[in-house]
Each structure stands twice: as structure tokens, then as C-alpha cells.
Amino acid sequence: MTTKPKRRWALPLTGAVALVLGITVGAASADTTERVVTDTVEVEVPVEVPVEVATLPSECLDALTAADDLILTSATMIETMSHGFTLAGDAVEAAAAWDHATMDAIQVELEAILSEMNAANALITTSDYPASRDACRGHQ
């Protein structure tokens, strides 16, 4: 008995045929039409609406300016008083040491500080802040 030679090409040929048939069937059933999507878009055109802008009355601006001046004057007074307190401490030490020359020099500096404080006090008492503030509050 003779044996038949094995057919080695049968399995790859069957796979190749199945692949070709699958591609053919898949390509034939694919939807090749282009889809066109249309949307209706509404565009709103902005309408200009007049806007009322609140403005600060001039009395209020004057009150703010006067308040700024008072704050700056107060800051200057605080610095001057700080220097005066330092001199007062130095004066106590000089008095304890019976150092008349240092006490006289400190007295001259304290008199200058007192003069600066009086000038700043005059600016504060003559400020037009209270009148400007009251006029500003009249607009509320």
C-alpha cells in the first residue's frame, strides 16, 4: 500500500480563501455614503444698552483728599512723638547723671518738636474734612 503524500497547502489555502471572502463581504456591506450633518445655529447680535455709571460727587472727593491730608499729618505727628519720647528717656538719664549740657541740648530739641506738634495740630484743627464729610453724606 502506498501512502498518499500529505497536502501541506490545504490549510493555508483555506485560510486565505476565508480571508478574501471576509474582506469582500465586509466591503460590500459597508455604508460608503457620506453623512452630512446640518445644524441650525442662531446668532444673537448684542444690543448696546446704555449703562449708568455712578460718579462720586466733588464733595466726597474733597472729603477723601482732606482725610488723606489728615492721615499724613497724623503719621508725621506719630514719628515726631516717637523721637520726643526717645529724647525724654535720654533726658531722664542725663538728669540722673547731673549732665546739664546734655539736658540743655535735649531741651532745645524738645522745643523744636513741640513747635512741629503745634503746627500739625493747627493743620488738623483747620482741616475742612468735617464740612466735606457732611456735604458728602448729604448725597446719600
Protein backbone atom coordinates (compact mmCIF):
# COMPACT_ATOMS: atom_id res chain seq x y z
CA MET A 1 0.00 0.00 0.00
CA THR A 2 1.23 3.28 -0.93
CA THR A 3 0.75 6.23 1.29
CA LYS A 4 -0.56 9.44 -0.04
CA PRO A 5 1.69 12.41 0.31
CA LYS A 6 0.48 14.96 2.85
CA ARG A 7 -1.07 18.05 1.46
CA ARG A 8 0.55 20.90 3.23
CA TRP A 9 -1.05 23.62 1.17
CA ALA A 10 -4.68 22.79 2.05
CA LEU A 11 -4.84 24.58 5.41
CA PRO A 12 -3.14 27.85 4.32
CA LEU A 13 -5.23 27.91 1.15
CA THR A 14 -8.44 27.54 3.15
CA GLY A 15 -7.40 30.40 5.47
CA ALA A 16 -6.52 32.65 2.52
CA VAL A 17 -9.86 31.96 0.80
CA ALA A 18 -11.75 32.68 4.04
CA LEU A 19 -9.84 35.95 4.45
CA VAL A 20 -10.56 37.09 0.90
CA LEU A 21 -14.26 36.18 1.27
CA GLY A 22 -14.47 38.07 4.60
CA ILE A 23 -12.92 41.20 3.16
CA THR A 24 -15.18 41.04 0.11
CA VAL A 25 -18.36 40.59 2.13
CA GLY A 26 -17.34 43.29 4.61
CA ALA A 27 -16.53 45.80 1.87
CA ALA A 28 -19.79 45.09 0.06
CA SER A 29 -21.89 45.65 3.15
CA ALA A 30 -20.10 48.82 4.31
CA ASP A 31 -22.02 52.10 4.06
CA THR A 32 -19.93 54.29 1.79
CA THR A 33 -22.30 57.26 1.58
CA GLU A 34 -21.10 60.45 3.26
CA ARG A 35 -23.20 61.78 6.03
CA VAL A 36 -23.90 65.48 6.01
CA VAL A 37 -24.82 66.95 9.34
CA THR A 38 -26.64 70.23 9.33
CA ASP A 39 -27.39 72.21 12.42
CA THR A 40 -29.34 75.40 12.64
CA VAL A 41 -27.35 77.97 14.54
CA GLU A 42 -28.97 81.09 15.85
CA VAL A 43 -26.68 84.04 16.28
CA GLU A 44 -27.64 86.75 18.70
CA VAL A 45 -26.42 90.20 17.86
CA PRO A 46 -25.64 92.10 21.04
CA VAL A 47 -27.72 95.19 21.56
CA GLU A 48 -25.96 98.09 23.18
CA VAL A 49 -27.68 99.08 26.36
CA PRO A 50 -26.80 102.41 27.90
CA VAL A 51 -25.19 101.93 31.28
CA GLU A 52 -25.40 104.49 34.01
CA VAL A 53 -22.10 104.90 35.80
CA ALA A 54 -22.22 106.35 39.26
CA THR A 55 -19.81 109.19 39.78
CA LEU A 56 -18.52 110.37 43.09
CA PRO A 57 -19.70 113.89 43.95
CA SER A 58 -17.00 116.52 44.24
CA GLU A 59 -17.80 116.96 47.94
CA CYS A 60 -16.89 113.31 48.51
CA LEU A 61 -13.65 113.70 46.56
CA ASP A 62 -12.85 116.74 48.69
CA ALA A 63 -13.56 114.74 51.85
CA LEU A 64 -11.25 111.94 50.69
CA THR A 65 -8.48 114.42 49.90
CA ALA A 66 -8.87 116.08 53.31
CA ALA A 67 -8.85 112.66 55.00
CA ASP A 68 -5.62 111.76 53.19
CA ASP A 69 -4.06 115.01 54.41
CA LEU A 70 -5.14 114.25 57.99
CA ILE A 71 -3.72 110.73 57.81
CA LEU A 72 -0.37 112.00 56.52
CA THR A 73 -0.28 114.71 59.20
CA SER A 74 -1.10 112.14 61.88
CA ALA A 75 1.67 109.84 60.64
CA THR A 76 4.14 112.73 60.81
CA MET A 77 2.97 113.52 64.33
CA ILE A 78 3.49 109.91 65.40
CA GLU A 79 7.06 109.94 64.08
CA THR A 80 7.74 113.26 65.83
CA MET A 81 6.27 111.99 69.10
CA SER A 82 8.40 108.85 68.87
CA HIS A 83 11.53 110.98 68.61
CA GLY A 84 10.26 113.08 71.54
CA PHE A 85 9.79 110.01 73.72
CA THR A 86 13.32 108.89 72.92
CA LEU A 87 14.60 112.32 73.92
CA ALA A 88 12.58 112.20 77.13
CA GLY A 89 14.29 108.93 78.06
CA ASP A 90 17.67 110.47 77.29
CA ALA A 91 16.71 113.47 79.44
CA VAL A 92 15.93 111.24 82.40
CA GLU A 93 19.33 109.55 82.08
CA ALA A 94 21.05 112.95 81.80
CA ALA A 95 19.19 114.23 84.87
CA ALA A 96 20.21 111.18 86.83
CA ALA A 97 23.83 111.83 85.88
CA TRP A 98 23.56 115.57 86.58
CA ASP A 99 24.61 116.20 82.95
CA HIS A 100 23.39 119.79 82.43
CA ALA A 101 24.86 120.20 78.95
CA THR A 102 23.01 117.15 77.61
CA MET A 103 19.79 118.26 79.33
CA ASP A 104 20.05 121.71 77.71
CA ALA A 105 20.62 120.15 74.26
CA ILE A 106 17.64 117.84 74.74
CA GLN A 107 15.50 120.80 75.83
CA VAL A 108 16.30 122.62 72.59
CA GLU A 109 15.33 119.54 70.56
CA LEU A 110 12.12 119.07 72.57
CA GLU A 111 11.16 122.71 71.94
CA ALA A 112 11.61 122.12 68.19
CA ILE A 113 9.44 119.01 68.45
CA LEU A 114 6.80 120.97 70.36
CA SER A 115 6.81 123.58 67.59
CA GLU A 116 6.29 120.82 64.96
CA MET A 117 3.45 119.33 67.02
CA ASN A 118 1.74 122.74 67.32
CA ALA A 119 1.97 123.24 63.54
CA ALA A 120 0.50 119.78 62.90
CA ASN A 121 -2.26 120.45 65.45
CA ALA A 122 -3.12 123.68 63.62
CA LEU A 123 -3.43 121.73 60.34
CA ILE A 124 -5.76 119.24 61.99
CA THR A 125 -7.99 121.85 63.65
CA THR A 126 -8.30 123.92 60.45
CA SER A 127 -8.99 120.92 58.21
CA ASP A 128 -12.07 121.12 56.03
CA TYR A 129 -12.64 117.39 56.41
CA PRO A 130 -15.71 117.65 58.71
CA ALA A 131 -17.51 120.03 56.33
CA SER A 132 -16.59 117.95 53.25
CA ARG A 133 -17.63 114.75 55.00
CA ASP A 134 -21.00 116.19 55.97
CA ALA A 135 -21.57 117.52 52.44
CA CYS A 136 -20.70 114.10 51.03
CA ARG A 137 -23.11 112.38 53.39
CA GLY A 138 -25.80 114.77 52.17
CA HIS A 139 -25.67 112.96 48.79
CA GLN A 140 -26.58 109.58 50.23
